[in-house]
């Protein structure tokens, strides 16, 4: 095993202390675990305006936000560079913005196809950021796309106390989603 492989797999130093040159020693590389938790959403579907909530129910009190277990330990840290996304129909051009939260946002007045801004109101403290996806890879059994952060190279954060999950809220970025369409989101997350 090479010294670099040893460092990545076991945390052993790249060089022995007596191999240091001029007082410089390379640092040990910190590597977390890559995990692929999944979440699903069965959308009500229909015609949406850009900025509408895409959810599992038109009744606000029945909206359930999917979660992803991205942290190894309760209140643990994570990075989320992308999500692999699939949907159950092969209609092209569906686009979503996926908002990530530390805690489940309260949905007091808005169900599926309502204005998303009312869901986001009052939830800034637990907001991690958003990822955008367009389902542009069409297959006979559905469509796929890769969600990437709207800003930066990854979403970084810490799960809430006692939790390993983050909560997902979906915003329409295109106009038509099939009735009962099933979306599956698989994270490529690094845990601390």
N, C-alpha and C. Protein backbone atom coordinates (compact mmCIF):
# COMPACT_ATOMS: atom_id res chain seq x y z
N UNK A 1 0.86 -1.18 0.00
CA UNK A 1 0.00 0.00 0.00
C UNK A 1 0.90 1.23 0.00
N UNK A 2 0.60 2.21 -0.86
CA UNK A 2 1.40 3.43 -0.90
C UNK A 2 1.13 4.29 0.33
N UNK A 3 2.04 5.24 0.59
CA UNK A 3 1.84 6.11 1.74
C UNK A 3 0.56 6.92 1.63
N UNK A 4 0.21 7.40 0.41
CA UNK A 4 -1.01 8.18 0.23
C UNK A 4 -2.23 7.32 0.50
N UNK A 5 -2.25 6.08 -0.05
CA UNK A 5 -3.38 5.20 0.23
C UNK A 5 -3.49 4.95 1.71
N UNK A 6 -2.38 4.72 2.39
CA UNK A 6 -2.38 4.48 3.82
C UNK A 6 -2.99 5.66 4.56
N UNK A 7 -2.65 6.88 4.14
CA UNK A 7 -3.17 8.07 4.80
C UNK A 7 -4.68 8.17 4.63
N UNK A 8 -5.17 7.95 3.42
CA UNK A 8 -6.60 8.08 3.15
C UNK A 8 -7.39 6.99 3.88
N UNK A 9 -6.88 5.77 3.88
CA UNK A 9 -7.64 4.66 4.45
C UNK A 9 -7.50 4.54 5.95
N UNK A 10 -6.33 4.85 6.51
CA UNK A 10 -6.12 4.60 7.93
C UNK A 10 -5.86 5.85 8.74
N UNK A 11 -5.57 6.95 8.10
CA UNK A 11 -5.25 8.17 8.83
C UNK A 11 -3.80 8.24 9.26
N UNK A 12 -2.96 7.26 8.87
CA UNK A 12 -1.55 7.30 9.22
C UNK A 12 -0.87 8.45 8.47
N UNK A 13 0.16 9.05 9.05
CA UNK A 13 0.81 10.19 8.39
C UNK A 13 1.45 9.80 7.07
N UNK A 14 1.57 10.79 6.17
CA UNK A 14 2.23 10.59 4.90
C UNK A 14 3.71 10.28 5.09
N UNK A 15 4.35 10.92 6.05
CA UNK A 15 5.77 10.69 6.32
C UNK A 15 5.93 10.45 7.81
N UNK A 16 6.94 9.71 8.15
CA UNK A 16 7.25 9.51 9.57
C UNK A 16 7.82 10.80 10.12
N UNK A 17 7.63 11.07 11.43
CA UNK A 17 8.13 12.33 12.00
C UNK A 17 9.60 12.58 11.72
N UNK A 18 10.44 11.53 11.71
CA UNK A 18 11.86 11.76 11.45
C UNK A 18 12.17 12.00 9.97
N UNK A 19 11.15 11.86 9.11
CA UNK A 19 11.32 12.14 7.68
C UNK A 19 11.02 13.61 7.34
N UNK A 20 10.62 14.39 8.34
CA UNK A 20 10.28 15.79 8.08
C UNK A 20 11.52 16.52 7.56
N UNK A 21 11.30 17.43 6.60
CA UNK A 21 12.39 18.18 5.99
C UNK A 21 12.21 19.65 6.33
N UNK A 22 13.21 20.25 6.90
CA UNK A 22 13.17 21.67 7.19
C UNK A 22 12.02 22.03 8.14
N UNK A 23 11.64 21.14 9.02
CA UNK A 23 10.58 21.41 9.98
C UNK A 23 9.18 21.28 9.40
N UNK A 24 9.06 20.96 8.11
CA UNK A 24 7.74 20.85 7.47
C UNK A 24 7.31 19.39 7.43
N UNK A 25 6.09 19.13 7.89
CA UNK A 25 5.51 17.79 7.77
C UNK A 25 4.16 17.93 7.10
N UNK A 26 3.90 17.18 6.05
CA UNK A 26 2.57 17.22 5.44
C UNK A 26 1.51 16.80 6.46
N UNK A 27 0.37 17.44 6.43
CA UNK A 27 -0.72 17.12 7.34
C UNK A 27 -1.41 15.83 6.91
N UNK A 28 -2.03 15.19 7.85
CA UNK A 28 -2.82 14.00 7.56
C UNK A 28 -4.10 14.44 6.86
N UNK A 29 -4.46 13.77 5.79
CA UNK A 29 -5.67 14.11 5.06
C UNK A 29 -6.89 13.69 5.86
N UNK A 30 -7.86 14.57 6.01
CA UNK A 30 -9.10 14.24 6.70
C UNK A 30 -10.12 13.78 5.66
N UNK A 31 -10.57 12.57 5.77
CA UNK A 31 -11.50 12.02 4.80
C UNK A 31 -12.72 11.49 5.54
N UNK A 32 -13.91 11.89 5.11
CA UNK A 32 -15.14 11.39 5.70
C UNK A 32 -15.67 10.22 4.90
N UNK A 33 -16.84 9.78 5.28
CA UNK A 33 -17.49 8.66 4.59
C UNK A 33 -18.47 9.19 3.55
N UNK A 34 -18.46 8.57 2.37
CA UNK A 34 -19.44 8.89 1.35
C UNK A 34 -20.66 8.01 1.58
N UNK A 35 -21.84 8.62 1.65
CA UNK A 35 -23.08 7.87 1.83
C UNK A 35 -24.08 8.28 0.75
N UNK A 36 -25.02 7.38 0.48
CA UNK A 36 -26.01 7.62 -0.56
C UNK A 36 -27.43 7.40 -0.04
N UNK A 37 -27.88 8.19 0.94
CA UNK A 37 -29.26 8.05 1.40
C UNK A 37 -30.23 8.50 0.32
N UNK A 38 -31.44 7.96 0.34
CA UNK A 38 -32.44 8.34 -0.66
C UNK A 38 -33.70 8.90 0.00
N UNK A 39 -34.40 9.69 -0.75
CA UNK A 39 -35.69 10.24 -0.35
C UNK A 39 -36.60 10.19 -1.57
N UNK A 40 -37.90 10.07 -1.34
CA UNK A 40 -38.85 10.08 -2.45
C UNK A 40 -39.95 11.09 -2.19
N UNK A 41 -40.52 11.56 -3.28
CA UNK A 41 -41.67 12.46 -3.25
C UNK A 41 -42.64 11.98 -4.32
N UNK A 42 -43.89 11.75 -3.93
CA UNK A 42 -44.95 11.49 -4.89
C UNK A 42 -45.74 12.77 -5.03
N UNK A 43 -45.56 13.44 -6.16
CA UNK A 43 -46.15 14.75 -6.37
C UNK A 43 -47.62 14.65 -6.76
N UNK A 44 -48.40 15.61 -6.32
CA UNK A 44 -49.80 15.70 -6.75
C UNK A 44 -49.84 15.90 -8.26
N UNK A 45 -48.95 16.77 -8.75
CA UNK A 45 -48.85 17.01 -10.19
C UNK A 45 -49.85 18.02 -10.70
N UNK A 46 -49.63 18.45 -11.93
CA UNK A 46 -50.49 19.43 -12.57
C UNK A 46 -49.67 20.50 -13.24
N UNK A 47 -50.28 21.66 -13.42
CA UNK A 47 -49.60 22.81 -14.04
C UNK A 47 -49.19 23.77 -12.93
N UNK A 48 -47.92 24.13 -12.93
CA UNK A 48 -47.35 24.97 -11.87
C UNK A 48 -46.82 26.27 -12.46
N UNK A 49 -46.84 27.31 -11.64
CA UNK A 49 -46.11 28.53 -11.97
C UNK A 49 -44.71 28.37 -11.38
N UNK A 50 -43.73 28.99 -12.01
CA UNK A 50 -42.39 28.97 -11.45
C UNK A 50 -42.45 29.59 -10.05
N UNK A 51 -41.92 28.89 -9.07
CA UNK A 51 -41.95 29.36 -7.69
C UNK A 51 -43.02 28.71 -6.84
N UNK A 52 -43.82 27.81 -7.41
CA UNK A 52 -44.84 27.10 -6.63
C UNK A 52 -44.23 25.92 -5.89
N UNK A 53 -44.86 25.57 -4.78
CA UNK A 53 -44.48 24.40 -3.99
C UNK A 53 -44.90 23.13 -4.72
N UNK A 54 -44.00 22.16 -4.81
CA UNK A 54 -44.33 20.83 -5.33
C UNK A 54 -44.32 19.91 -4.11
N UNK A 55 -45.47 19.30 -3.81
CA UNK A 55 -45.59 18.52 -2.57
C UNK A 55 -46.46 17.30 -2.79
N UNK A 56 -46.63 16.55 -1.71
CA UNK A 56 -47.41 15.32 -1.75
C UNK A 56 -48.90 15.53 -1.50
N UNK A 57 -49.31 16.74 -1.11
CA UNK A 57 -50.71 16.99 -0.79
C UNK A 57 -51.07 18.45 -1.07
N UNK A 58 -52.32 18.68 -1.48
CA UNK A 58 -52.80 20.05 -1.67
C UNK A 58 -53.24 20.66 -0.34
N UNK A 59 -53.37 19.85 0.69
CA UNK A 59 -53.75 20.33 2.03
C UNK A 59 -52.50 20.64 2.83
N UNK A 60 -52.34 21.87 3.26
CA UNK A 60 -51.12 22.31 3.94
C UNK A 60 -50.77 21.41 5.13
N UNK A 61 -51.74 21.07 5.95
CA UNK A 61 -51.47 20.27 7.15
C UNK A 61 -51.02 18.85 6.82
N UNK A 62 -51.23 18.40 5.60
CA UNK A 62 -50.85 17.04 5.21
C UNK A 62 -49.54 16.97 4.43
N UNK A 63 -48.93 18.11 4.17
CA UNK A 63 -47.67 18.13 3.42
C UNK A 63 -46.57 17.50 4.28
N UNK A 64 -45.88 16.52 3.73
CA UNK A 64 -44.75 15.88 4.41
C UNK A 64 -43.50 16.12 3.58
N UNK A 65 -42.49 16.73 4.21
CA UNK A 65 -41.23 17.00 3.51
C UNK A 65 -40.32 15.79 3.63
N UNK A 66 -39.84 15.24 2.51
CA UNK A 66 -38.90 14.12 2.58
C UNK A 66 -37.61 14.53 3.30
N UNK A 67 -36.94 13.53 3.87
CA UNK A 67 -35.68 13.77 4.57
C UNK A 67 -34.57 12.91 3.99
N UNK A 68 -33.35 13.37 4.19
CA UNK A 68 -32.15 12.62 3.81
C UNK A 68 -31.25 12.51 5.04
N UNK A 69 -30.83 11.30 5.39
CA UNK A 69 -29.93 11.08 6.52
C UNK A 69 -28.49 11.31 6.05
N UNK A 70 -28.05 12.55 6.09
CA UNK A 70 -26.74 12.91 5.55
C UNK A 70 -25.63 12.98 6.59
N UNK A 71 -25.97 13.06 7.86
CA UNK A 71 -24.96 13.13 8.92
C UNK A 71 -24.77 11.75 9.55
N UNK A 72 -23.56 11.46 9.95
CA UNK A 72 -23.26 10.17 10.58
C UNK A 72 -23.84 10.10 11.99
N UNK A 73 -23.70 11.18 12.75
CA UNK A 73 -24.14 11.24 14.14
C UNK A 73 -25.15 12.36 14.32
N UNK A 74 -25.98 12.29 15.36
CA UNK A 74 -26.89 13.41 15.65
C UNK A 74 -26.10 14.72 15.75
N UNK A 75 -26.62 15.74 15.11
CA UNK A 75 -25.99 17.07 15.05
C UNK A 75 -24.64 17.03 14.34
N UNK A 76 -24.40 15.99 13.55
CA UNK A 76 -23.14 15.86 12.83
C UNK A 76 -23.09 16.74 11.59
N UNK A 77 -21.88 16.96 11.12
CA UNK A 77 -21.71 17.81 9.94
C UNK A 77 -21.66 16.96 8.67
N UNK A 78 -21.90 17.64 7.55
CA UNK A 78 -21.96 16.97 6.25
C UNK A 78 -21.65 17.96 5.15
N UNK A 79 -21.35 17.42 3.97
CA UNK A 79 -21.32 18.23 2.75
C UNK A 79 -22.11 17.47 1.70
N UNK A 80 -22.85 18.22 0.91
CA UNK A 80 -23.74 17.65 -0.11
C UNK A 80 -23.43 18.30 -1.45
N UNK A 81 -22.50 17.70 -2.23
CA UNK A 81 -22.14 18.32 -3.51
C UNK A 81 -23.17 18.11 -4.61
N UNK A 82 -23.98 17.03 -4.52
CA UNK A 82 -24.98 16.81 -5.56
C UNK A 82 -25.95 15.72 -5.16
N UNK A 83 -27.07 15.69 -5.88
CA UNK A 83 -28.09 14.65 -5.73
C UNK A 83 -28.31 14.00 -7.09
N UNK A 84 -28.37 12.69 -7.14
CA UNK A 84 -28.78 11.99 -8.35
C UNK A 84 -30.30 11.89 -8.30
N UNK A 85 -30.98 12.30 -9.33
CA UNK A 85 -32.43 12.41 -9.32
C UNK A 85 -33.05 11.59 -10.44
N UNK A 86 -34.15 10.92 -10.12
CA UNK A 86 -34.92 10.16 -11.11
C UNK A 86 -36.39 10.50 -10.94
N UNK A 87 -37.14 10.33 -12.02
CA UNK A 87 -38.59 10.47 -11.94
C UNK A 87 -39.24 9.35 -12.73
N UNK A 88 -40.50 9.07 -12.39
CA UNK A 88 -41.16 7.86 -12.91
C UNK A 88 -41.70 7.97 -14.32
N UNK A 89 -41.80 9.18 -14.87
CA UNK A 89 -42.25 9.31 -16.26
C UNK A 89 -41.12 9.88 -17.10
N UNK A 90 -41.20 9.67 -18.40
CA UNK A 90 -40.10 10.13 -19.26
C UNK A 90 -40.41 11.44 -19.99
N UNK A 91 -41.29 12.24 -19.43
CA UNK A 91 -41.53 13.57 -20.01
C UNK A 91 -40.29 14.43 -19.78
N UNK A 92 -39.84 15.07 -20.83
CA UNK A 92 -38.62 15.89 -20.76
C UNK A 92 -38.92 17.28 -20.21
N UNK A 93 -37.87 17.91 -19.69
CA UNK A 93 -37.94 19.32 -19.35
C UNK A 93 -38.44 19.68 -17.96
N UNK A 94 -38.72 18.72 -17.11
CA UNK A 94 -39.14 19.05 -15.75
C UNK A 94 -37.92 19.56 -14.98
N UNK A 95 -38.08 20.70 -14.32
CA UNK A 95 -37.00 21.29 -13.52
C UNK A 95 -37.51 21.59 -12.12
N UNK A 96 -36.67 21.31 -11.13
CA UNK A 96 -37.01 21.58 -9.73
C UNK A 96 -35.85 22.30 -9.06
N UNK A 97 -36.17 23.10 -8.05
CA UNK A 97 -35.18 23.63 -7.11
C UNK A 97 -35.47 22.92 -5.79
N UNK A 98 -34.44 22.33 -5.22
CA UNK A 98 -34.58 21.55 -3.99
C UNK A 98 -33.96 22.34 -2.86
N UNK A 99 -34.79 22.83 -1.94
CA UNK A 99 -34.33 23.62 -0.80
C UNK A 99 -34.04 22.69 0.37
N UNK A 100 -32.93 22.92 1.07
CA UNK A 100 -32.49 22.06 2.17
C UNK A 100 -32.54 22.82 3.49
N UNK A 101 -33.15 22.18 4.50
CA UNK A 101 -33.35 22.80 5.81
C UNK A 101 -32.87 21.89 6.93
N UNK A 102 -32.43 22.50 8.03
CA UNK A 102 -32.05 21.76 9.24
C UNK A 102 -33.28 21.13 9.89
N UNK A 103 -34.36 21.86 9.99
CA UNK A 103 -35.62 21.37 10.57
C UNK A 103 -36.72 21.45 9.53
N UNK A 104 -37.75 20.65 9.70
CA UNK A 104 -38.87 20.67 8.76
C UNK A 104 -39.57 22.02 8.82
N UNK A 105 -39.66 22.73 7.69
CA UNK A 105 -40.37 24.01 7.69
C UNK A 105 -41.86 23.80 7.97
N UNK A 106 -42.42 24.69 8.74
CA UNK A 106 -43.86 24.63 9.01
C UNK A 106 -44.61 25.04 7.75
N UNK A 107 -45.62 24.28 7.41
CA UNK A 107 -46.46 24.59 6.25
C UNK A 107 -47.84 24.94 6.78
N UNK A 108 -48.05 26.22 7.05
CA UNK A 108 -49.29 26.64 7.69
C UNK A 108 -50.43 26.85 6.70
N UNK A 109 -50.13 27.40 5.54
CA UNK A 109 -51.21 27.79 4.64
C UNK A 109 -51.09 27.28 3.22
N UNK A 110 -50.00 26.62 2.87
CA UNK A 110 -49.77 26.28 1.47
C UNK A 110 -49.55 24.79 1.28
N UNK A 111 -50.35 24.20 0.39
CA UNK A 111 -50.13 22.83 -0.05
C UNK A 111 -49.55 22.84 -1.45
N UNK A 112 -49.55 21.69 -2.08
CA UNK A 112 -49.02 21.56 -3.44
C UNK A 112 -49.62 22.62 -4.35
N UNK A 113 -48.77 23.19 -5.21
CA UNK A 113 -49.15 24.18 -6.20
C UNK A 113 -49.47 25.55 -5.60
N UNK A 114 -49.17 25.74 -4.31
CA UNK A 114 -49.29 27.05 -3.68
C UNK A 114 -47.99 27.81 -3.82
N UNK A 115 -47.98 29.05 -3.41
CA UNK A 115 -46.79 29.90 -3.52
C UNK A 115 -45.76 29.47 -2.48
N UNK A 116 -44.59 29.08 -2.93
CA UNK A 116 -43.55 28.57 -2.04
C UNK A 116 -43.08 29.60 -1.03
N UNK A 117 -43.10 30.87 -1.37
CA UNK A 117 -42.60 31.91 -0.47
C UNK A 117 -43.26 31.85 0.89
N UNK A 118 -44.53 31.44 0.96
CA UNK A 118 -45.20 31.35 2.26
C UNK A 118 -44.65 30.20 3.10
N UNK A 119 -44.11 29.17 2.46
CA UNK A 119 -43.48 28.06 3.19
C UNK A 119 -42.12 28.49 3.72
N UNK A 120 -41.38 29.23 2.92
CA UNK A 120 -40.03 29.62 3.31
C UNK A 120 -40.01 30.71 4.38
N UNK A 121 -41.09 31.47 4.51
CA UNK A 121 -41.14 32.57 5.47
C UNK A 121 -40.91 32.04 6.89
N UNK A 122 -40.02 32.70 7.62
CA UNK A 122 -39.77 32.34 9.01
C UNK A 122 -38.87 31.14 9.20
N UNK A 123 -38.21 30.66 8.15
CA UNK A 123 -37.35 29.48 8.25
C UNK A 123 -35.90 29.77 7.88
N UNK A 124 -35.49 31.02 7.89
CA UNK A 124 -34.13 31.39 7.45
C UNK A 124 -33.04 30.78 8.33
N UNK A 125 -33.28 30.67 9.63
CA UNK A 125 -32.23 30.19 10.54
C UNK A 125 -31.78 28.77 10.23
N UNK A 126 -32.66 27.95 9.71
CA UNK A 126 -32.30 26.57 9.42
C UNK A 126 -32.08 26.27 7.95
N UNK A 127 -31.91 27.30 7.12
CA UNK A 127 -31.78 27.11 5.68
C UNK A 127 -30.33 26.86 5.30
N UNK A 128 -30.06 25.75 4.59
CA UNK A 128 -28.70 25.43 4.16
C UNK A 128 -28.39 25.93 2.76
N UNK A 129 -29.40 25.95 1.87
CA UNK A 129 -29.18 26.33 0.48
C UNK A 129 -30.06 25.50 -0.43
N UNK A 130 -29.83 25.61 -1.73
CA UNK A 130 -30.68 24.93 -2.71
C UNK A 130 -29.85 24.29 -3.81
N UNK A 131 -30.42 23.25 -4.41
CA UNK A 131 -29.84 22.58 -5.56
C UNK A 131 -30.85 22.65 -6.70
N UNK A 132 -30.36 22.76 -7.93
CA UNK A 132 -31.22 22.80 -9.11
C UNK A 132 -31.02 21.56 -9.95
N UNK A 133 -32.13 21.03 -10.49
CA UNK A 133 -32.06 19.87 -11.37
C UNK A 133 -33.02 20.03 -12.53
N UNK A 134 -32.58 19.62 -13.71
CA UNK A 134 -33.44 19.47 -14.88
C UNK A 134 -33.36 18.01 -15.28
N UNK A 135 -34.52 17.37 -15.41
CA UNK A 135 -34.58 15.97 -15.79
C UNK A 135 -34.45 15.90 -17.32
N UNK A 136 -33.19 15.85 -17.77
CA UNK A 136 -32.92 15.95 -19.21
C UNK A 136 -32.40 14.66 -19.83
N UNK A 137 -32.18 13.64 -19.03
CA UNK A 137 -31.77 12.34 -19.56
C UNK A 137 -33.01 11.46 -19.61
N UNK A 138 -33.50 11.19 -20.82
CA UNK A 138 -34.78 10.49 -21.00
C UNK A 138 -34.52 9.01 -21.28
N UNK A 139 -35.25 8.15 -20.57
CA UNK A 139 -35.16 6.70 -20.72
C UNK A 139 -36.56 6.15 -20.96
N UNK A 140 -36.66 4.90 -21.36
CA UNK A 140 -37.99 4.32 -21.60
C UNK A 140 -38.79 4.18 -20.30
N UNK A 141 -38.09 4.09 -19.16
CA UNK A 141 -38.77 3.89 -17.87
C UNK A 141 -38.73 5.11 -16.96
N UNK A 142 -38.41 6.29 -17.49
CA UNK A 142 -38.38 7.50 -16.66
C UNK A 142 -37.38 8.50 -17.20
N UNK A 143 -36.99 9.41 -16.33
CA UNK A 143 -36.01 10.43 -16.70
C UNK A 143 -35.10 10.67 -15.50
N UNK A 144 -33.93 11.24 -15.77
CA UNK A 144 -32.95 11.47 -14.71
C UNK A 144 -32.25 12.80 -14.92
N UNK A 145 -31.64 13.27 -13.85
CA UNK A 145 -30.83 14.48 -13.88
C UNK A 145 -29.98 14.53 -12.63
N UNK A 146 -29.05 15.45 -12.59
CA UNK A 146 -28.19 15.62 -11.43
C UNK A 146 -28.42 17.01 -10.87
N UNK A 147 -28.77 17.07 -9.58
CA UNK A 147 -28.98 18.35 -8.91
C UNK A 147 -27.65 18.84 -8.35
N UNK A 148 -27.32 20.08 -8.66
CA UNK A 148 -26.10 20.70 -8.16
C UNK A 148 -26.46 21.98 -7.41
N UNK A 149 -25.60 22.38 -6.47
CA UNK A 149 -25.90 23.59 -5.69
C UNK A 149 -26.10 24.82 -6.57
N UNK A 150 -27.08 25.61 -6.18
CA UNK A 150 -27.35 26.86 -6.89
C UNK A 150 -26.16 27.82 -6.74
N UNK A 151 -25.48 27.75 -5.59
CA UNK A 151 -24.31 28.59 -5.32
C UNK A 151 -23.25 27.72 -4.65
N UNK A 152 -22.02 27.88 -5.05
CA UNK A 152 -20.91 27.14 -4.45
C UNK A 152 -20.79 25.73 -4.99
N UNK A 153 -19.84 24.98 -4.43
CA UNK A 153 -19.56 23.62 -4.91
C UNK A 153 -20.30 22.55 -4.13
N UNK A 154 -20.82 22.89 -2.96
CA UNK A 154 -21.54 21.92 -2.13
C UNK A 154 -22.35 22.68 -1.09
N UNK A 155 -23.30 21.99 -0.50
CA UNK A 155 -24.04 22.53 0.64
C UNK A 155 -23.39 21.92 1.88
N UNK A 156 -22.95 22.78 2.79
CA UNK A 156 -22.30 22.34 4.02
C UNK A 156 -23.21 22.68 5.19
N UNK A 157 -23.21 21.82 6.21
CA UNK A 157 -24.00 22.14 7.38
C UNK A 157 -23.89 21.10 8.46
N UNK A 158 -24.67 21.33 9.52
CA UNK A 158 -24.78 20.40 10.63
C UNK A 158 -26.25 20.08 10.83
N UNK A 159 -26.54 18.81 11.05
CA UNK A 159 -27.91 18.40 11.32
C UNK A 159 -28.35 18.97 12.67
N UNK A 160 -29.64 19.02 12.90
CA UNK A 160 -30.19 19.52 14.16
C UNK A 160 -29.81 18.59 15.31
N UNK A 161 -29.85 19.12 16.53
CA UNK A 161 -29.58 18.31 17.73
C UNK A 161 -30.48 17.09 17.74
N UNK A 162 -29.90 15.94 17.95
CA UNK A 162 -30.67 14.71 18.02
C UNK A 162 -31.07 14.12 16.67
N UNK A 163 -30.65 14.75 15.56
CA UNK A 163 -31.05 14.29 14.22
C UNK A 163 -29.83 14.07 13.33
N UNK A 164 -30.01 13.22 12.32
CA UNK A 164 -29.00 13.03 11.29
C UNK A 164 -29.54 13.47 9.93
N UNK A 165 -30.81 13.89 9.89
CA UNK A 165 -31.50 14.22 8.63
C UNK A 165 -31.47 15.70 8.31
N UNK A 166 -31.61 15.99 7.02
CA UNK A 166 -32.00 17.32 6.56
C UNK A 166 -33.35 17.16 5.87
N UNK A 167 -34.08 18.26 5.75
CA UNK A 167 -35.44 18.25 5.20
C UNK A 167 -35.45 18.94 3.85
N UNK A 168 -36.18 18.36 2.90
CA UNK A 168 -36.21 18.86 1.53
C UNK A 168 -37.56 19.48 1.20
N UNK A 169 -37.53 20.62 0.54
CA UNK A 169 -38.72 21.31 0.05
C UNK A 169 -38.50 21.57 -1.43
N UNK A 170 -39.53 21.32 -2.25
CA UNK A 170 -39.39 21.35 -3.70
C UNK A 170 -40.13 22.52 -4.31
N UNK A 171 -39.44 23.22 -5.20
CA UNK A 171 -39.99 24.39 -5.90
C UNK A 171 -40.03 24.10 -7.39
N UNK A 172 -41.17 24.36 -8.02
CA UNK A 172 -41.31 24.18 -9.47
C UNK A 172 -40.47 25.22 -10.19
N UNK A 173 -39.71 24.77 -11.18
CA UNK A 173 -38.96 25.66 -12.05
C UNK A 173 -39.41 25.49 -13.50
N UNK A 174 -40.37 24.58 -13.72
CA UNK A 174 -41.00 24.39 -15.03
C UNK A 174 -42.50 24.25 -14.78
N UNK A 175 -43.28 24.11 -15.82
CA UNK A 175 -44.72 24.27 -15.64
C UNK A 175 -45.56 23.01 -15.45
N UNK A 176 -45.13 21.85 -15.94
CA UNK A 176 -46.00 20.67 -15.86
C UNK A 176 -45.29 19.50 -15.21
N UNK A 177 -45.96 18.90 -14.23
CA UNK A 177 -45.48 17.69 -13.58
C UNK A 177 -46.62 16.69 -13.63
N UNK A 178 -46.32 15.45 -14.00
CA UNK A 178 -47.34 14.43 -14.14
C UNK A 178 -48.06 14.11 -12.84
N UNK A 179 -49.32 13.80 -12.93
CA UNK A 179 -50.13 13.45 -11.75
C UNK A 179 -49.58 12.18 -11.11
N UNK A 180 -49.29 12.24 -9.80
CA UNK A 180 -48.78 11.08 -9.08
C UNK A 180 -47.36 10.70 -9.46
N UNK A 181 -46.65 11.61 -10.09
CA UNK A 181 -45.27 11.32 -10.50
C UNK A 181 -44.39 11.11 -9.27
N UNK A 182 -43.55 10.06 -9.32
CA UNK A 182 -42.67 9.73 -8.20
C UNK A 182 -41.26 10.21 -8.52
N UNK A 183 -40.71 11.02 -7.62
CA UNK A 183 -39.34 11.52 -7.74
C UNK A 183 -38.48 10.82 -6.68
N UNK A 184 -37.31 10.38 -7.07
CA UNK A 184 -36.37 9.75 -6.14
C UNK A 184 -35.08 10.56 -6.16
N UNK A 185 -34.58 10.88 -4.98
CA UNK A 185 -33.38 11.70 -4.82
C UNK A 185 -32.35 10.90 -4.04
N UNK A 186 -31.20 10.66 -4.64
CA UNK A 186 -30.12 9.92 -3.99
C UNK A 186 -28.95 10.86 -3.77
N UNK A 187 -28.61 11.06 -2.51
CA UNK A 187 -27.54 12.00 -2.15
C UNK A 187 -26.17 11.41 -2.41
N UNK A 188 -25.24 12.26 -2.73
CA UNK A 188 -23.83 11.93 -2.69
C UNK A 188 -23.27 12.82 -1.58
N UNK A 189 -23.37 12.34 -0.35
CA UNK A 189 -23.05 13.15 0.81
C UNK A 189 -21.77 12.65 1.50
N UNK A 190 -20.98 13.58 2.00
CA UNK A 190 -19.81 13.26 2.79
C UNK A 190 -20.12 13.58 4.25
N UNK A 191 -19.89 12.62 5.12
CA UNK A 191 -20.14 12.80 6.55
C UNK A 191 -18.83 13.09 7.26
N UNK A 192 -18.93 13.79 8.40
CA UNK A 192 -17.71 14.06 9.17
C UNK A 192 -17.14 12.79 9.76
